[in-house]
Amino acid sequence: MLRALGLGDLLAGVPALRALRRGFPGHELVLATPAALAPVVAATGAVDRLLPASAPGRAVPRTLDWTGPPPDLAVDLHGNGPPSHRLLTRLRPLELFAFAHPETPEVDGPPWYAEEHERDRWCRLLTSYGVDADPADLLLPRPPGPSPAPGAVVLHPGAGAPSRCWPVERYATVARTLREDGHRVVVTGGADEGDLVARLARQAGLPDTDVFGGGLPYDRLAALVAGARAVVSGDTGIAHLAVAHATPSVTLFGPVPPSRWGPPAHPRHRALWHPGPDGDPHGHRPDPALLRITTDEVLAALDGLPGTPAPRTHPSPDRLTRQP
């Protein structure tokens, strides 16, 4: 199984991985994915072995370090080809599950629909080959360790590209308002987002104990998310982690609509989006649709989530100032 992408991609693929586990109980299931995702892969309970595989950006790896006999089955969960088709074909599998592509006519798979939700897409692929798959089968077991900030509201300002990053000043307004309401707020960021996290912490006046920059180890991040009051982020991996742990979430969408990458329909998840033309999910500037989301909208969405802050009896000064 090839899915050499990021955290959010892997979590969106969990229903497909579990479907393959059920469909092939007597087989060893090997997932080609980045080695750093090993703890997440283990938590899915669907994979026997991880085969380290990655490439810059979202590219297809050039090779796979496969040393065993040809697999009985190869499954392309990476994309619609043709590079991923050809990579797996070189393993000489007895069978290949993949979407059809005009440049690989030998692959007799179902059609690819660009507008399809990511979880539904891979389940449909498997269903077309006779493997029952449930897109709702995506929850992970609760992490064994304690949360470093139980009951906090987690803000995660970063994302895989600037086009999916809501302005840090608006996150700071949300953080200050929640703290005025008496709620603990913590901020997280990836390994290369230290400066972004520091800016948000400084503008929001957060103590050092509530700043988790530099990329938390997965076990601590999972425990933090699983024990959080809510998670607020853009369309990135931590939003999928909140879904996987049934943690209330508010996810801010811009270049790509939630119909493709959003959380499942459930009262504990809110996806904020202003409809408009598609943007570039890997662009270098915040997407215009994302910028149309205001701090008031985020705070109102948080107020409406189960177990999250109730509306104030009077607005704070920050909430009286709308962001453009």
Protein backbone atom coordinates (compact mmCIF):
# COMPACT_ATOMS: atom_id res chain seq x y z
CA MET A 1 0.00 0.00 0.00
CA LEU A 2 1.48 3.32 -1.07
CA ARG A 3 0.60 6.55 0.74
CA ALA A 4 3.89 8.40 1.11
CA LEU A 5 2.35 11.69 2.23
CA GLY A 6 1.77 13.61 5.50
CA LEU A 7 -0.08 13.17 8.78
CA GLY A 8 -3.45 14.43 7.53
CA ASP A 9 -3.20 12.29 4.41
CA LEU A 10 -2.48 9.18 6.44
CA LEU A 11 -5.38 9.83 8.83
CA ALA A 12 -7.74 10.41 5.90
CA GLY A 13 -6.63 7.04 4.57
CA VAL A 14 -7.30 5.11 7.80
CA PRO A 15 -10.74 3.81 6.67
CA ALA A 16 -9.14 2.36 3.53
CA LEU A 17 -6.29 0.77 5.48
CA ARG A 18 -8.72 -0.88 7.88
CA ALA A 19 -10.85 -2.09 4.99
CA LEU A 20 -7.80 -3.81 3.51
CA ARG A 21 -6.98 -5.32 6.90
CA ARG A 22 -10.47 -6.84 7.09
CA GLY A 23 -10.46 -7.85 3.44
CA PHE A 24 -7.09 -9.65 3.57
CA PRO A 25 -6.83 -11.09 7.09
CA GLY A 26 -4.25 -13.72 6.15
CA HIS A 27 -1.82 -11.34 4.47
CA GLU A 28 0.98 -9.17 5.77
CA LEU A 29 0.01 -5.56 5.13
CA VAL A 30 2.94 -3.27 4.34
CA LEU A 31 2.48 0.49 4.09
CA ALA A 32 4.97 2.61 2.16
CA THR A 33 4.91 5.94 4.00
CA PRO A 34 7.35 8.32 5.76
CA ALA A 35 9.20 6.70 8.67
CA ALA A 36 8.27 9.61 10.96
CA LEU A 37 4.64 8.46 10.83
CA ALA A 38 5.43 5.09 12.44
CA PRO A 39 3.54 5.86 15.70
CA VAL A 40 0.43 6.89 13.74
CA VAL A 41 0.65 3.79 11.56
CA ALA A 42 0.84 1.62 14.67
CA ALA A 43 -2.19 3.37 16.19
CA THR A 44 -4.36 2.47 13.20
CA GLY A 45 -4.13 -1.23 14.05
CA ALA A 46 -4.28 -2.00 10.33
CA VAL A 47 -0.66 -2.31 9.24
CA ASP A 48 1.89 -5.03 9.95
CA ARG A 49 4.99 -3.29 8.66
CA LEU A 50 6.06 0.18 7.57
CA LEU A 51 8.24 0.54 4.48
CA PRO A 52 9.95 3.96 4.70
CA ALA A 53 9.10 6.02 1.62
CA SER A 54 8.95 9.76 1.01
CA ALA A 55 9.71 12.48 -1.50
CA PRO A 56 9.82 16.28 -1.35
CA GLY A 57 6.45 17.97 -1.33
CA ARG A 58 3.73 15.58 -2.35
CA ALA A 59 5.75 13.86 -5.06
CA VAL A 60 5.85 10.14 -5.68
CA PRO A 61 9.00 8.45 -4.31
CA ARG A 62 11.49 7.53 -7.00
CA THR A 63 11.97 4.00 -5.66
CA LEU A 64 10.73 1.65 -2.95
CA ASP A 65 13.20 -0.38 -0.91
CA TRP A 66 11.30 -3.61 -1.51
CA THR A 67 13.42 -6.74 -1.08
CA GLY A 68 10.82 -9.49 -0.77
CA PRO A 69 9.05 -11.49 -3.46
CA PRO A 70 6.48 -9.75 -5.65
CA PRO A 71 3.45 -8.84 -3.52
CA ASP A 72 0.13 -10.56 -4.12
CA LEU A 73 -1.47 -7.12 -4.24
CA ALA A 74 -0.29 -3.52 -4.54
CA VAL A 75 -2.69 -0.69 -3.70
CA ASP A 76 -2.14 2.86 -4.91
CA LEU A 77 -3.51 5.13 -2.16
CA HIS A 78 -1.14 7.93 -3.16
CA GLY A 79 -2.82 9.52 -6.17
CA ASN A 80 -4.32 8.86 -9.58
CA GLY A 81 -1.03 8.10 -11.37
CA PRO A 82 0.73 7.56 -13.58
CA PRO A 83 4.02 7.90 -11.55
CA SER A 84 2.56 6.04 -8.56
CA HIS A 85 1.16 3.33 -10.86
CA ARG A 86 4.56 2.79 -12.44
CA LEU A 87 6.33 2.75 -9.08
CA LEU A 88 4.09 -0.06 -7.84
CA THR A 89 4.14 -1.93 -11.15
CA ARG A 90 7.92 -2.24 -10.84
CA LEU A 91 7.33 -4.48 -7.81
CA ARG A 92 5.62 -6.94 -10.20
CA PRO A 93 2.53 -7.46 -8.02
CA LEU A 94 0.07 -10.17 -9.00
CA GLU A 95 -2.68 -7.53 -8.88
CA LEU A 96 -2.84 -3.73 -8.67
CA PHE A 97 -5.71 -1.70 -7.21
CA ALA A 98 -5.58 1.83 -8.62
CA PHE A 99 -7.62 4.52 -10.31
CA ALA A 100 -7.64 4.62 -14.09
CA HIS A 101 -5.37 7.03 -15.93
CA PRO A 102 -5.07 7.51 -19.72
CA GLU A 103 -1.27 7.21 -19.57
CA THR A 104 -1.46 3.79 -17.91
CA PRO A 105 -4.20 2.03 -19.92
CA GLU A 106 -3.15 -1.32 -18.47
CA VAL A 107 -4.67 -0.23 -15.12
CA ASP A 108 -8.35 -1.10 -15.38
CA GLY A 109 -9.54 0.85 -12.34
CA PRO A 110 -12.48 3.13 -11.56
CA PRO A 111 -12.49 6.79 -12.68
CA TRP A 112 -10.94 9.52 -10.56
CA TYR A 113 -13.24 12.36 -9.42
CA ALA A 114 -11.33 15.50 -8.47
CA GLU A 115 -14.20 16.89 -6.36
CA GLU A 116 -14.58 13.76 -4.22
CA HIS A 117 -13.85 13.81 -0.48
CA GLU A 118 -10.53 12.20 0.32
CA ARG A 119 -11.92 9.58 2.71
CA ASP A 120 -14.70 8.63 0.31
CA ARG A 121 -12.31 8.44 -2.64
CA TRP A 122 -10.15 5.63 -1.30
CA CYS A 123 -13.10 3.69 0.09
CA ARG A 124 -14.75 3.87 -3.35
CA LEU A 125 -11.55 2.58 -4.94
CA LEU A 126 -11.59 -0.48 -2.72
CA THR A 127 -15.33 -1.03 -3.07
CA SER A 128 -14.93 -1.09 -6.85
CA TYR A 129 -12.57 -4.04 -6.39
CA GLY A 130 -14.96 -5.87 -4.07
CA VAL A 131 -13.51 -4.79 -0.71
CA ASP A 132 -16.10 -3.37 1.71
CA ALA A 133 -14.95 -0.02 3.13
CA ASP A 134 -16.53 2.41 5.59
CA PRO A 135 -15.41 6.08 5.38
CA ALA A 136 -16.58 6.59 8.99
CA ASP A 137 -14.08 4.02 10.36
CA LEU A 138 -11.51 6.63 11.30
CA LEU A 139 -11.27 6.88 15.11
CA LEU A 140 -7.98 6.06 16.84
CA PRO A 141 -7.63 4.61 20.36
CA ARG A 142 -6.99 7.11 23.12
CA PRO A 143 -3.25 7.68 23.66
CA PRO A 144 -1.88 5.96 26.77
CA GLY A 145 -0.02 8.98 28.15
CA PRO A 146 -1.49 12.01 29.95
CA SER A 147 -2.16 15.28 28.19
CA PRO A 148 0.42 18.01 28.84
CA ALA A 149 -2.47 20.53 29.03
CA PRO A 150 -5.75 18.74 29.81
CA GLY A 151 -8.88 20.69 28.96
CA ALA A 152 -7.07 23.43 27.02
CA VAL A 153 -8.16 24.96 23.76
CA VAL A 154 -5.41 24.16 21.25
CA LEU A 155 -4.57 26.71 18.55
CA HIS A 156 -2.40 25.57 15.66
CA PRO A 157 -1.57 28.48 13.32
CA GLY A 158 0.63 26.62 10.87
CA ALA A 159 -0.12 24.45 7.85
CA GLY A 160 1.70 22.78 4.99
CA ALA A 161 1.61 25.98 2.93
CA PRO A 162 1.03 29.72 3.60
CA SER A 163 -2.18 29.61 1.53
CA ARG A 164 -3.79 27.59 4.35
CA CYS A 165 -2.48 29.76 7.23
CA TRP A 166 -5.00 32.14 8.82
CA PRO A 167 -3.26 35.34 10.02
CA VAL A 168 -1.45 34.94 13.33
CA GLU A 169 -2.95 38.24 14.56
CA ARG A 170 -6.43 36.72 14.35
CA TYR A 171 -5.35 33.61 16.22
CA ALA A 172 -3.98 35.95 18.90
CA THR A 173 -7.35 37.72 19.18
CA VAL A 174 -9.08 34.37 19.63
CA ALA A 175 -6.52 33.35 22.25
CA ARG A 176 -6.87 36.57 24.26
CA THR A 177 -10.66 36.39 24.22
CA LEU A 178 -10.71 32.78 25.40
CA ARG A 179 -8.26 33.56 28.18
CA GLU A 180 -10.44 36.47 29.30
CA ASP A 181 -13.26 33.94 29.56
CA GLY A 182 -11.10 31.86 31.90
CA HIS A 183 -10.01 29.12 29.51
CA ARG A 184 -6.52 27.77 29.14
CA VAL A 185 -5.12 28.25 25.63
CA VAL A 186 -2.08 26.46 24.25
CA VAL A 187 -0.42 26.87 20.89
CA THR A 188 1.32 24.16 18.85
CA GLY A 189 3.44 24.16 15.74
CA GLY A 190 5.53 21.92 13.55
CA ALA A 191 9.28 21.48 13.66
CA ASP A 192 9.83 24.42 11.28
CA GLU A 193 7.15 26.71 12.76
CA GLY A 194 8.96 27.96 15.86
CA ASP A 195 8.90 31.60 14.78
CA LEU A 196 5.20 31.47 13.95
CA VAL A 197 4.34 29.90 17.31
CA ALA A 198 6.51 32.45 19.14
CA ARG A 199 4.75 35.35 17.39
CA LEU A 200 1.33 34.05 18.37
CA ALA A 201 2.40 33.39 21.96
CA ARG A 202 3.87 36.87 22.26
CA GLN A 203 0.83 38.65 20.80
CA ALA A 204 -1.57 36.60 22.93
CA GLY A 205 0.49 36.96 26.12
CA LEU A 206 0.75 33.20 26.65
CA PRO A 207 3.06 31.84 29.34
CA ASP A 208 5.93 29.60 28.26
CA THR A 209 4.16 26.59 29.78
CA ASP A 210 1.40 26.93 27.16
CA VAL A 211 3.67 27.11 24.11
CA PHE A 212 4.46 23.84 22.32
CA GLY A 213 6.54 24.88 19.35
CA GLY A 214 9.22 23.00 17.49
CA GLY A 215 7.14 19.92 16.79
CA LEU A 216 5.86 17.84 19.70
CA PRO A 217 6.61 14.11 19.52
CA TYR A 218 3.57 12.34 18.16
CA ASP A 219 2.66 10.64 21.45
CA ARG A 220 2.53 13.96 23.30
CA LEU A 221 0.71 15.72 20.45
CA ALA A 222 -1.89 12.95 20.29
CA ALA A 223 -2.37 13.07 24.07
CA LEU A 224 -2.71 16.87 23.94
CA VAL A 225 -5.32 16.72 21.19
CA ALA A 226 -7.23 13.81 22.73
CA GLY A 227 -7.48 15.67 26.05
CA ALA A 228 -8.25 19.10 24.61
CA ARG A 229 -11.45 21.08 25.05
CA ALA A 230 -11.23 21.97 21.35
CA VAL A 231 -8.74 22.35 18.48
CA VAL A 232 -8.69 25.39 16.16
CA SER A 233 -6.57 25.14 13.03
CA GLY A 234 -6.43 25.43 9.30
CA ASP A 235 -6.80 22.52 6.92
CA THR A 236 -3.80 20.53 8.14
CA GLY A 237 -2.80 17.38 9.99
CA ILE A 238 -3.85 18.38 13.50
CA ALA A 239 -7.44 18.93 12.29
CA HIS A 240 -7.53 15.29 11.17
CA LEU A 241 -5.99 14.24 14.48
CA ALA A 242 -8.82 16.00 16.33
CA VAL A 243 -11.33 14.06 14.23
CA ALA A 244 -9.48 10.81 14.92
CA HIS A 245 -9.73 11.40 18.69
CA ALA A 246 -13.31 12.74 18.65
CA THR A 247 -12.11 16.10 19.99
CA PRO A 248 -14.32 19.12 19.18
CA SER A 249 -12.74 21.17 16.42
CA VAL A 250 -13.08 24.31 14.34
CA THR A 251 -11.25 24.04 11.01
CA LEU A 252 -10.67 27.05 8.77
CA PHE A 253 -10.79 26.34 5.04
CA GLY A 254 -9.56 28.52 2.21
CA PRO A 255 -8.10 27.27 -1.06
CA VAL A 256 -9.83 23.88 -0.83
CA PRO A 257 -13.44 23.46 0.37
CA PRO A 258 -14.34 21.17 3.29
CA SER A 259 -16.29 18.98 0.87
CA ARG A 260 -12.89 17.49 -0.11
CA TRP A 261 -10.91 17.46 3.13
CA GLY A 262 -13.31 18.50 5.90
CA PRO A 263 -14.39 16.66 9.04
CA PRO A 264 -17.35 14.28 9.02
CA ALA A 265 -20.79 15.75 9.65
CA HIS A 266 -21.00 15.79 13.45
CA PRO A 267 -21.97 18.49 16.00
CA ARG A 268 -18.50 18.37 17.56
CA HIS A 269 -16.82 19.53 14.32
CA ARG A 270 -17.28 22.86 12.56
CA ALA A 271 -15.77 23.68 9.19
CA LEU A 272 -15.67 27.40 8.35
CA TRP A 273 -15.54 28.32 4.68
CA HIS A 274 -16.66 31.15 2.42
CA PRO A 275 -17.53 29.67 -0.99
CA GLY A 276 -15.56 30.91 -3.94
CA PRO A 277 -13.25 29.76 -6.71
CA ASP A 278 -10.67 27.12 -5.86
CA GLY A 279 -7.26 28.38 -4.85
CA ASP A 280 -3.82 26.82 -4.63
CA PRO A 281 -3.51 24.61 -1.52
CA HIS A 282 0.27 24.90 -1.82
CA GLY A 283 0.39 28.64 -2.55
CA HIS A 284 2.72 31.16 -0.93
CA ARG A 285 0.09 33.65 0.27
CA PRO A 286 -2.99 33.23 2.48
CA ASP A 287 -5.95 32.34 0.28
CA PRO A 288 -8.57 35.11 -0.13
CA ALA A 289 -11.38 32.78 0.97
CA LEU A 290 -9.48 31.95 4.14
CA LEU A 291 -8.98 35.65 4.86
CA ARG A 292 -12.74 36.20 4.73
CA ILE A 293 -13.14 34.17 7.92
CA THR A 294 -13.35 36.58 10.88
CA THR A 295 -12.39 36.14 14.51
CA ASP A 296 -16.06 36.55 15.44
CA GLU A 297 -16.94 33.54 13.27
CA VAL A 298 -14.28 31.41 14.93
CA LEU A 299 -15.36 32.43 18.43
CA ALA A 300 -19.02 31.81 17.61
CA ALA A 301 -18.16 28.36 16.23
CA LEU A 302 -16.26 27.54 19.42
CA ASP A 303 -19.18 28.73 21.52
CA GLY A 304 -21.47 26.32 19.70
CA LEU A 305 -19.35 23.19 20.13
CA PRO A 306 -20.32 20.65 22.81
CA GLY A 307 -18.24 21.12 25.94
CA THR A 308 -16.60 24.35 24.77
CA PRO A 309 -16.94 27.91 26.06
CA ALA A 310 -20.47 29.23 26.45
CA PRO A 311 -21.29 32.65 24.98
CA ARG A 312 -20.30 35.63 27.10
CA THR A 313 -23.02 37.79 28.66
CA HIS A 314 -21.20 40.81 27.22
CA PRO A 315 -18.60 41.01 24.46
CA SER A 316 -14.97 41.68 25.17
CA PRO A 317 -13.28 44.65 23.46
CA ASP A 318 -11.50 42.23 21.13
CA ARG A 319 -14.80 40.76 20.00
CA LEU A 320 -16.18 44.19 19.21
CA THR A 321 -13.42 44.69 16.63
CA ARG A 322 -14.14 42.70 13.50
CA GLN A 323 -11.28 41.54 11.38
CA PRO A 324 -11.47 42.33 7.67
